[in-house]
Amino acid sequence: MTTPGALMRATWSARTWLGTAHLLVGLPVGVATTVAVATLVPLILGFAITVVPAIALCTVLLTSLRVFTSWQRSRFSAFCGVDLAEVPVDEPGLLAAVRRPSTWRQFGYHTLAGVTGILMAAVVAGVWSVGFVFSTALAHGWLLPDRPIAGLDPHDPLVLLGATVVGLLALLAAPWVVRALVIVDVGIARGLLQPSHAEELAERVAALSESRADLVDAADAERRRIERDLHDGTQQRLVSLAMNLGITRATLGADVPESARVSIAAAHDEAKQALVELRDFIRGLHPAVLDDRGLDAALSGIAARSPVPVRLKVGLDTRPSRVVEAVAYFVVSEALTNVAKHANATRIDVSAETIGDRLWLVIADDGVGGARQELGSGLRGLAQRVGSVDGRLKIDSPLGGPTLIVVELPCAS
């Protein structure tokens, strides 16, 4: 860019001529799209009182905008190596497309494409024409007419030499003019044909939400698989072992040493205790009653097992999704466990109700209070479970009590 050799090479570089072709091709494409848009818009306005033709023409216009945008993307990709990102379509339909800001940006781009195409192509064609015609003036000057042109004698050697110098300067300047115009053209296209920053963020949030939902579903499915394997495999073996030890214990003869009796009895008791712990563990993974009979029955089971008396109220107009049911179950289960361990409460009130498309859980106790998320991993775990499905958790637990936990969950997460 700073040496004479670099300036000369820029004139004949592939980048320069691809940019020139890009701007020249932009002329017919831009004019075609501008003419099409300028023709369709008055027709739509003319038929505005008649619903069916207006809707049909709007559909044709929106389809045309998508086609025109694909043409422009192909032009930028083929000549400039620039891949313009496509605007995501989050909601199909004519009204959604009309409300979408990207539609109006595309409309503006294709309306002005003819004007910008003509201007840029004229500048590029002009600078190259001046460069090639004037730089060869010494070779074809004898073909010029004898009369003065713009007050100058076309056969004057000084005039021909000056024209040649102007032409050479135009040839040297042409690559930078082309590249500057390409940069401007790419900037306009990126601003109007690509998603805006807000749309990119919205798309990223949607993708992250979808991937997070997939992870939550996968984790829930894995818990179900482990619960099923333990229930159908390990638990059945422990049941069989406990039964066999019980039968052996009951049928021991008098000739069996006392030490053997004690060992068998201890093994029987250990097997029964392990079975109880395994059942509790399986229930903690994912209770089968939640799938079979729903959240109402599962919460009733938790309330019945609680060492602190629980008054339960359930009002579910619609059944939440399986993931939300699991989150609600574990939130109530963990909350009741925390109350039994730390609150010194004498009663607990639990309600689960659906209001609109939200599931509301309210857990209240008359304990000593002082519960804080930052003070215990159990409450942080509740917040993480609730947050995994875009829910909200609020804890009100002043010192001295009472404690109130309010959870809001989407029914169809």
Protein backbone atom coordinates (compact mmCIF):
# COMPACT_ATOMS: atom_id res chain seq x y z
CA MET A 1 0.00 0.00 0.00
CA THR A 2 2.96 2.35 0.51
CA THR A 3 5.37 1.31 -2.25
CA PRO A 4 4.97 1.80 -6.02
CA GLY A 5 5.09 -1.96 -6.51
CA ALA A 6 2.24 -2.51 -4.04
CA LEU A 7 0.19 0.18 -5.75
CA MET A 8 0.68 -1.44 -9.13
CA ARG A 9 -0.11 -4.92 -7.82
CA ALA A 10 -3.33 -3.63 -6.21
CA THR A 11 -4.55 -2.57 -9.65
CA TRP A 12 -4.41 -6.12 -10.96
CA SER A 13 -5.14 -8.06 -7.76
CA ALA A 14 -8.02 -10.52 -7.59
CA ARG A 15 -9.49 -8.64 -4.67
CA THR A 16 -9.77 -5.48 -6.74
CA TRP A 17 -11.49 -7.14 -9.67
CA LEU A 18 -13.77 -9.24 -7.50
CA GLY A 19 -14.81 -6.02 -5.76
CA THR A 20 -15.38 -4.36 -9.12
CA ALA A 21 -17.51 -7.28 -10.29
CA HIS A 22 -19.40 -7.19 -6.98
CA LEU A 23 -20.31 -3.53 -7.40
CA LEU A 24 -21.20 -3.87 -11.08
CA VAL A 25 -23.40 -6.92 -10.42
CA GLY A 26 -25.04 -4.95 -7.63
CA LEU A 27 -26.43 -2.56 -10.26
CA PRO A 28 -28.85 -4.93 -12.03
CA VAL A 29 -29.69 -6.82 -8.83
CA GLY A 30 -30.37 -3.59 -6.93
CA VAL A 31 -32.39 -2.05 -9.72
CA ALA A 32 -34.46 -5.24 -10.10
CA THR A 33 -35.25 -5.44 -6.37
CA THR A 34 -36.04 -1.73 -6.10
CA VAL A 35 -38.36 -1.85 -9.11
CA ALA A 36 -40.11 -4.95 -7.74
CA VAL A 37 -40.62 -3.41 -4.29
CA ALA A 38 -41.69 -0.06 -5.78
CA THR A 39 -44.26 -1.91 -7.92
CA LEU A 40 -45.69 -4.11 -5.17
CA VAL A 41 -46.08 -1.41 -2.50
CA PRO A 42 -48.51 0.81 -4.49
CA LEU A 43 -50.50 -2.29 -5.44
CA ILE A 44 -50.80 -3.28 -1.78
CA LEU A 45 -51.88 0.23 -0.83
CA GLY A 46 -54.36 0.30 -3.71
CA PHE A 47 -55.94 -2.97 -2.61
CA ALA A 48 -55.81 -2.06 1.11
CA ILE A 49 -59.62 -1.93 1.32
CA THR A 50 -59.95 -5.39 -0.18
CA VAL A 51 -58.63 -7.87 2.32
CA VAL A 52 -57.87 -10.94 0.22
CA PRO A 53 -55.84 -9.25 -2.58
CA ALA A 54 -53.98 -7.13 -0.02
CA ILE A 55 -53.01 -10.22 2.00
CA ALA A 56 -51.97 -12.05 -1.16
CA LEU A 57 -49.82 -9.13 -2.32
CA CYS A 58 -48.26 -8.75 1.15
CA THR A 59 -47.37 -12.44 1.04
CA VAL A 60 -45.82 -11.97 -2.40
CA LEU A 61 -43.85 -8.95 -1.13
CA LEU A 62 -42.54 -10.78 1.95
CA THR A 63 -41.59 -13.79 -0.15
CA SER A 64 -39.86 -11.48 -2.62
CA LEU A 65 -37.89 -9.83 0.19
CA ARG A 66 -36.60 -13.23 1.30
CA VAL A 67 -35.63 -14.12 -2.30
CA PHE A 68 -33.96 -10.74 -2.86
CA THR A 69 -32.05 -11.10 0.41
CA SER A 70 -30.81 -14.53 -0.67
CA TRP A 71 -29.58 -12.98 -3.95
CA GLN A 72 -27.67 -10.31 -2.09
CA ARG A 73 -26.19 -12.86 0.32
CA SER A 74 -24.99 -14.90 -2.64
CA ARG A 75 -23.44 -11.79 -4.21
CA PHE A 76 -21.57 -10.84 -1.06
CA SER A 77 -20.42 -14.42 -0.49
CA ALA A 78 -19.27 -15.01 -4.08
CA PHE A 79 -17.39 -11.75 -4.69
CA CYS A 80 -16.41 -10.49 -1.21
CA GLY A 81 -16.17 -13.71 0.81
CA VAL A 82 -18.59 -12.19 3.33
CA ASP A 83 -21.24 -14.51 4.74
CA LEU A 84 -24.18 -12.51 6.04
CA ALA A 85 -25.93 -14.22 8.95
CA GLU A 86 -29.56 -15.09 8.39
CA VAL A 87 -32.19 -13.53 10.61
CA PRO A 88 -33.86 -16.27 12.72
CA VAL A 89 -37.60 -16.74 12.23
CA ASP A 90 -38.91 -17.27 15.74
CA GLU A 91 -42.59 -17.14 14.81
CA PRO A 92 -44.08 -18.04 11.40
CA GLY A 93 -47.00 -16.24 9.82
CA LEU A 94 -47.77 -13.04 7.92
CA LEU A 95 -48.52 -10.85 10.95
CA ALA A 96 -45.39 -12.03 12.77
CA ALA A 97 -43.29 -11.19 9.69
CA VAL A 98 -44.84 -7.71 9.45
CA ARG A 99 -44.11 -7.06 13.14
CA ARG A 100 -40.53 -8.30 12.87
CA PRO A 101 -37.99 -5.41 12.71
CA SER A 102 -35.74 -7.40 10.37
CA THR A 103 -38.51 -7.41 7.73
CA TRP A 104 -38.56 -3.61 7.67
CA ARG A 105 -34.76 -3.45 7.55
CA GLN A 106 -34.79 -5.74 4.50
CA PHE A 107 -37.55 -3.64 2.98
CA GLY A 108 -35.46 -0.51 3.41
CA TYR A 109 -32.35 -2.16 1.97
CA HIS A 110 -34.07 -3.46 -1.17
CA THR A 111 -35.91 -0.17 -1.67
CA LEU A 112 -32.58 1.71 -1.74
CA ALA A 113 -30.51 -1.02 -3.41
CA GLY A 114 -31.21 0.36 -6.88
CA VAL A 115 -30.06 3.86 -5.93
CA THR A 116 -26.89 2.72 -4.16
CA GLY A 117 -26.22 0.19 -6.94
CA ILE A 118 -26.43 2.87 -9.63
CA LEU A 119 -24.22 5.30 -7.70
CA MET A 120 -21.54 2.75 -6.80
CA ALA A 121 -21.50 1.15 -10.25
CA ALA A 122 -21.28 4.59 -11.89
CA VAL A 123 -18.32 5.60 -9.71
CA VAL A 124 -16.51 2.33 -10.32
CA ALA A 125 -17.19 2.28 -14.05
CA GLY A 126 -16.21 5.93 -14.28
CA VAL A 127 -12.88 5.61 -12.49
CA TRP A 128 -11.88 2.52 -14.47
CA SER A 129 -13.00 4.12 -17.75
CA VAL A 130 -11.04 7.28 -17.06
CA GLY A 131 -8.04 5.19 -16.12
CA PHE A 132 -7.99 2.96 -19.19
CA VAL A 133 -9.04 5.61 -21.75
CA PHE A 134 -6.81 8.45 -20.54
CA SER A 135 -3.77 6.29 -19.77
CA THR A 136 -3.68 5.17 -23.41
CA ALA A 137 -4.24 8.66 -24.84
CA LEU A 138 -0.79 8.70 -26.45
CA ALA A 139 -1.67 5.55 -28.40
CA HIS A 140 -5.07 6.58 -29.75
CA GLY A 141 -4.77 10.38 -29.68
CA TRP A 142 -4.39 10.52 -33.49
CA LEU A 143 -7.95 9.18 -33.76
CA LEU A 144 -9.40 12.19 -31.96
CA PRO A 145 -11.10 14.93 -34.04
CA ASP A 146 -9.20 18.03 -35.08
CA ARG A 147 -11.57 20.42 -33.35
CA PRO A 148 -10.84 21.51 -29.74
CA ILE A 149 -12.36 19.45 -26.90
CA ALA A 150 -13.19 21.42 -23.74
CA GLY A 151 -11.03 24.21 -25.09
CA LEU A 152 -7.98 21.95 -25.50
CA ASP A 153 -6.28 20.73 -28.63
CA PRO A 154 -6.55 16.91 -28.53
CA HIS A 155 -3.45 16.59 -30.72
CA ASP A 156 -1.24 18.75 -28.51
CA PRO A 157 1.50 16.49 -27.08
CA LEU A 158 1.29 18.21 -23.71
CA VAL A 159 -2.47 17.63 -23.57
CA LEU A 160 -2.02 13.95 -24.45
CA LEU A 161 0.75 13.61 -21.88
CA GLY A 162 -1.41 15.24 -19.19
CA ALA A 163 -4.33 12.93 -20.06
CA THR A 164 -2.00 9.95 -19.78
CA VAL A 165 -0.83 11.05 -16.34
CA VAL A 166 -4.45 11.54 -15.21
CA GLY A 167 -5.30 8.09 -16.54
CA LEU A 168 -2.40 6.44 -14.74
CA LEU A 169 -3.36 8.17 -11.51
CA ALA A 170 -6.94 6.98 -11.98
CA LEU A 171 -5.71 3.41 -12.47
CA LEU A 172 -3.68 3.63 -9.29
CA ALA A 173 -6.61 5.12 -7.37
CA ALA A 174 -9.23 2.74 -8.76
CA PRO A 175 -8.42 -0.24 -6.44
CA TRP A 176 -8.78 1.92 -3.35
CA VAL A 177 -11.99 3.47 -4.63
CA VAL A 178 -13.34 -0.03 -5.28
CA ARG A 179 -12.30 -1.30 -1.85
CA ALA A 180 -13.76 1.74 -0.10
CA LEU A 181 -17.08 1.29 -1.88
CA VAL A 182 -17.08 -2.44 -1.09
CA ILE A 183 -16.52 -1.65 2.60
CA VAL A 184 -19.44 0.79 2.51
CA ASP A 185 -21.64 -1.73 0.70
CA VAL A 186 -20.75 -4.51 3.15
CA GLY A 187 -21.42 -2.19 6.09
CA ILE A 188 -24.88 -1.29 4.77
CA ALA A 189 -25.71 -4.95 4.13
CA ARG A 190 -24.53 -6.03 7.57
CA GLY A 191 -26.57 -3.30 9.20
CA LEU A 192 -29.80 -4.06 7.33
CA LEU A 193 -29.70 -7.73 6.26
CA GLN A 194 -28.08 -9.34 9.29
CA PRO A 195 -29.71 -9.83 12.71
CA SER A 196 -29.38 -6.86 15.04
CA HIS A 197 -27.44 -7.15 18.29
CA ALA A 198 -30.71 -7.55 20.20
CA GLU A 199 -31.86 -10.29 17.82
CA GLU A 200 -28.53 -12.09 18.14
CA LEU A 201 -28.82 -11.96 21.93
CA ALA A 202 -32.41 -13.21 21.78
CA GLU A 203 -31.35 -16.08 19.51
CA ARG A 204 -28.47 -16.93 21.83
CA VAL A 205 -30.76 -16.88 24.87
CA ALA A 206 -33.26 -19.11 23.06
CA ALA A 207 -30.49 -21.55 22.10
CA LEU A 208 -29.11 -21.59 25.65
CA SER A 209 -32.60 -22.10 27.08
CA GLU A 210 -33.20 -24.98 24.68
CA SER A 211 -29.86 -26.60 25.47
CA ARG A 212 -30.45 -26.17 29.20
CA ALA A 213 -33.90 -27.73 28.86
CA ASP A 214 -32.31 -30.64 27.00
CA LEU A 215 -29.76 -31.06 29.80
CA VAL A 216 -32.50 -30.97 32.44
CA ASP A 217 -34.53 -33.54 30.50
CA ALA A 218 -31.47 -35.74 30.06
CA ALA A 219 -30.63 -35.55 33.78
CA ASP A 220 -34.24 -36.35 34.68
CA ALA A 221 -34.28 -39.29 32.27
CA GLU A 222 -31.00 -40.56 33.75
CA ARG A 223 -32.45 -40.37 37.27
CA ARG A 224 -35.47 -42.32 36.09
CA ARG A 225 -33.22 -44.96 34.54
CA ILE A 226 -31.16 -45.32 37.74
CA GLU A 227 -34.34 -45.49 39.84
CA ARG A 228 -35.78 -48.17 37.57
CA ASP A 229 -32.56 -50.22 37.55
CA LEU A 230 -32.26 -50.05 41.35
CA HIS A 231 -35.93 -50.82 41.85
CA ASP A 232 -36.02 -53.76 39.45
CA GLY A 233 -32.52 -55.09 40.15
CA THR A 234 -30.72 -54.27 43.38
CA GLN A 235 -33.86 -53.84 45.48
CA GLN A 236 -35.27 -57.19 44.36
CA ARG A 237 -32.01 -58.93 45.25
CA LEU A 238 -32.03 -57.31 48.70
CA VAL A 239 -35.66 -58.39 49.21
CA SER A 240 -34.73 -61.93 48.24
CA LEU A 241 -31.68 -61.85 50.55
CA ALA A 242 -33.73 -60.53 53.49
CA MET A 243 -36.42 -63.18 52.94
CA ASN A 244 -33.88 -65.99 52.76
CA LEU A 245 -32.14 -64.77 55.91
CA GLY A 246 -35.52 -64.51 57.64
CA ILE A 247 -36.48 -68.03 56.63
CA THR A 248 -33.07 -69.30 57.72
CA ARG A 249 -33.36 -67.45 61.02
CA ALA A 250 -36.80 -68.89 61.69
CA THR A 251 -35.88 -72.48 60.84
CA LEU A 252 -32.59 -72.80 62.70
CA GLY A 253 -32.32 -76.05 64.60
CA ALA A 254 -31.37 -76.44 68.24
CA ASP A 255 -27.97 -77.80 67.32
CA VAL A 256 -26.87 -74.50 65.70
CA PRO A 257 -24.29 -72.66 67.82
CA GLU A 258 -25.39 -69.44 69.47
CA SER A 259 -22.71 -67.45 67.65
CA ALA A 260 -24.16 -68.54 64.29
CA ARG A 261 -27.68 -67.54 65.44
CA VAL A 262 -26.43 -64.10 66.41
CA SER A 263 -24.61 -63.65 63.10
CA ILE A 264 -27.64 -64.71 61.04
CA ALA A 265 -29.94 -62.46 63.06
CA ALA A 266 -27.56 -59.52 62.63
CA ALA A 267 -27.29 -60.20 58.90
CA HIS A 268 -31.10 -60.33 58.64
CA ASP A 269 -31.47 -57.01 60.46
CA GLU A 270 -28.76 -55.40 58.34
CA ALA A 271 -30.43 -56.63 55.15
CA LYS A 272 -33.77 -55.14 56.23
CA GLN A 273 -32.11 -51.86 57.18
CA ALA A 274 -30.26 -51.73 53.85
CA LEU A 275 -33.57 -52.36 52.08
CA VAL A 276 -35.20 -49.45 53.92
CA GLU A 277 -32.29 -47.15 53.07
CA LEU A 278 -32.32 -48.25 49.43
CA ARG A 279 -36.05 -47.56 49.19
CA ASP A 280 -35.50 -44.09 50.61
CA PHE A 281 -32.66 -43.52 48.17
CA ILE A 282 -34.77 -44.66 45.22
CA ARG A 283 -37.61 -42.44 46.34
CA GLY A 284 -35.12 -39.55 46.51
CA LEU A 285 -33.94 -40.20 42.97
CA HIS A 286 -37.39 -40.17 41.42
CA PRO A 287 -40.52 -41.52 43.07
CA ALA A 288 -42.48 -43.94 40.90
CA VAL A 289 -45.75 -42.55 42.29
CA LEU A 290 -44.93 -39.21 40.61
CA ASP A 291 -45.15 -40.84 37.18
CA ASP A 292 -48.02 -43.16 38.04
CA ARG A 293 -50.37 -40.87 39.96
CA GLY A 294 -49.00 -37.35 39.62
CA LEU A 295 -47.85 -34.57 41.93
CA ASP A 296 -50.89 -34.69 44.25
CA ALA A 297 -50.26 -38.29 45.31
CA ALA A 298 -46.48 -37.78 45.51
CA LEU A 299 -46.85 -34.77 47.82
CA SER A 300 -49.35 -36.69 49.95
CA GLY A 301 -46.72 -39.39 50.40
CA ILE A 302 -44.12 -36.84 51.49
CA ALA A 303 -46.54 -35.26 53.95
CA ALA A 304 -47.46 -38.65 55.43
CA ARG A 305 -43.78 -39.52 56.07
CA SER A 306 -42.87 -36.16 57.61
CA PRO A 307 -42.06 -36.29 61.36
CA VAL A 308 -43.63 -32.80 61.67
CA PRO A 309 -47.41 -32.66 61.09
CA VAL A 310 -48.18 -31.34 57.60
CA ARG A 311 -51.39 -29.77 56.33
CA LEU A 312 -51.43 -30.19 52.55
CA LYS A 313 -53.57 -28.35 50.02
CA VAL A 314 -53.31 -29.24 46.32
CA GLY A 315 -55.29 -27.58 43.54
CA LEU A 316 -53.97 -28.48 40.11
CA ASP A 317 -56.18 -27.51 37.17
CA THR A 318 -53.72 -28.99 34.69
CA ARG A 319 -50.89 -31.44 35.16
CA PRO A 320 -47.47 -29.76 34.82
CA SER A 321 -44.74 -31.22 32.67
CA ARG A 322 -42.79 -34.17 34.07
CA VAL A 323 -39.67 -32.06 34.66
CA VAL A 324 -41.61 -29.39 36.57
CA GLU A 325 -43.40 -32.08 38.60
CA ALA A 326 -40.03 -33.53 39.58
CA VAL A 327 -38.69 -30.09 40.55
CA ALA A 328 -41.81 -29.35 42.62
CA TYR A 329 -41.59 -32.73 44.35
CA PHE A 330 -37.94 -32.32 45.31
CA VAL A 331 -38.48 -28.72 46.46
CA VAL A 332 -41.22 -29.78 48.85
CA SER A 333 -39.28 -32.86 49.96
CA GLU A 334 -36.10 -30.87 50.68
CA ALA A 335 -38.05 -28.10 52.41
CA LEU A 336 -39.81 -30.57 54.72
CA THR A 337 -36.51 -32.26 55.50
CA ASN A 338 -34.93 -28.91 56.39
CA VAL A 339 -37.87 -28.00 58.63
CA ALA A 340 -37.66 -31.34 60.44
CA LYS A 341 -33.88 -30.97 60.99
CA HIS A 342 -33.46 -27.30 61.84
CA ALA A 343 -36.72 -25.40 62.42
CA ASN A 344 -38.06 -26.97 65.66
CA ALA A 345 -41.51 -26.47 64.13
CA THR A 346 -44.76 -28.00 65.37
CA ARG A 347 -46.65 -27.78 62.09
CA ILE A 348 -46.10 -27.17 58.36
CA ASP A 349 -48.55 -25.84 55.77
CA VAL A 350 -47.94 -26.81 52.14
CA SER A 351 -50.00 -25.68 49.17
CA ALA A 352 -49.55 -26.43 45.46
CA GLU A 353 -51.82 -24.62 43.03
CA THR A 354 -51.83 -23.79 39.34
CA ILE A 355 -52.77 -20.21 38.45
CA GLY A 356 -52.79 -19.64 34.72
CA ASP A 357 -49.69 -21.26 33.28
CA ARG A 358 -47.74 -21.15 36.55
CA LEU A 359 -47.44 -23.63 39.41
CA TRP A 360 -47.21 -21.97 42.83
CA LEU A 361 -45.77 -23.78 45.84
CA VAL A 362 -46.08 -22.23 49.31
CA ILE A 363 -44.38 -23.90 52.29
CA ALA A 364 -44.82 -22.29 55.71
CA ASP A 365 -43.76 -23.46 59.19
CA ASP A 366 -43.93 -22.05 62.74
CA GLY A 367 -40.30 -22.78 63.53
CA VAL A 368 -37.45 -20.62 64.74
CA GLY A 369 -36.73 -19.03 61.31
CA GLY A 370 -33.36 -17.66 60.25
CA ALA A 371 -33.20 -19.65 57.00
CA ARG A 372 -30.91 -18.08 54.37
CA GLN A 373 -29.77 -19.33 50.97
CA GLU A 374 -26.21 -18.22 51.62
CA LEU A 375 -26.06 -20.13 54.90
CA GLY A 376 -26.97 -23.61 53.72
CA SER A 377 -26.36 -25.85 50.74
CA GLY A 378 -29.89 -27.25 50.99
CA LEU A 379 -31.55 -23.91 50.22
CA ARG A 380 -28.98 -23.18 47.49
CA GLY A 381 -29.86 -26.55 45.99
CA LEU A 382 -33.54 -25.57 46.02
CA ALA A 383 -32.73 -22.31 44.22
CA GLN A 384 -30.67 -24.19 41.62
CA ARG A 385 -33.45 -26.71 40.98
CA VAL A 386 -36.01 -23.95 40.62
CA GLY A 387 -33.74 -21.89 38.38
CA SER A 388 -33.12 -24.86 36.08
CA VAL A 389 -36.68 -24.53 34.75
CA ASP A 390 -36.84 -20.70 34.80
CA GLY A 391 -38.70 -20.64 38.09
CA ARG A 392 -38.41 -18.20 41.00
CA LEU A 393 -37.79 -18.89 44.68
CA LYS A 394 -38.46 -16.46 47.52
CA ILE A 395 -37.63 -17.14 51.18
CA ASP A 396 -38.94 -15.02 54.05
CA SER A 397 -37.51 -16.31 57.33
CA PRO A 398 -36.89 -13.70 60.03
CA LEU A 399 -35.16 -14.78 63.23
CA GLY A 400 -37.75 -16.20 65.59
CA GLY A 401 -39.92 -17.34 62.69
CA PRO A 402 -42.13 -18.10 60.98
CA THR A 403 -40.57 -19.21 57.67
CA LEU A 404 -42.32 -18.81 54.33
CA ILE A 405 -41.02 -20.28 51.06
CA VAL A 406 -42.79 -19.29 47.84
CA VAL A 407 -41.87 -21.00 44.57
CA GLU A 408 -43.17 -20.08 41.12
CA LEU A 409 -42.67 -22.62 38.33
CA PRO A 410 -43.77 -22.62 34.69
CA CYS A 411 -46.21 -25.47 34.07
CA ALA A 412 -44.80 -26.36 30.67
CA SER A 413 -41.05 -25.97 30.99
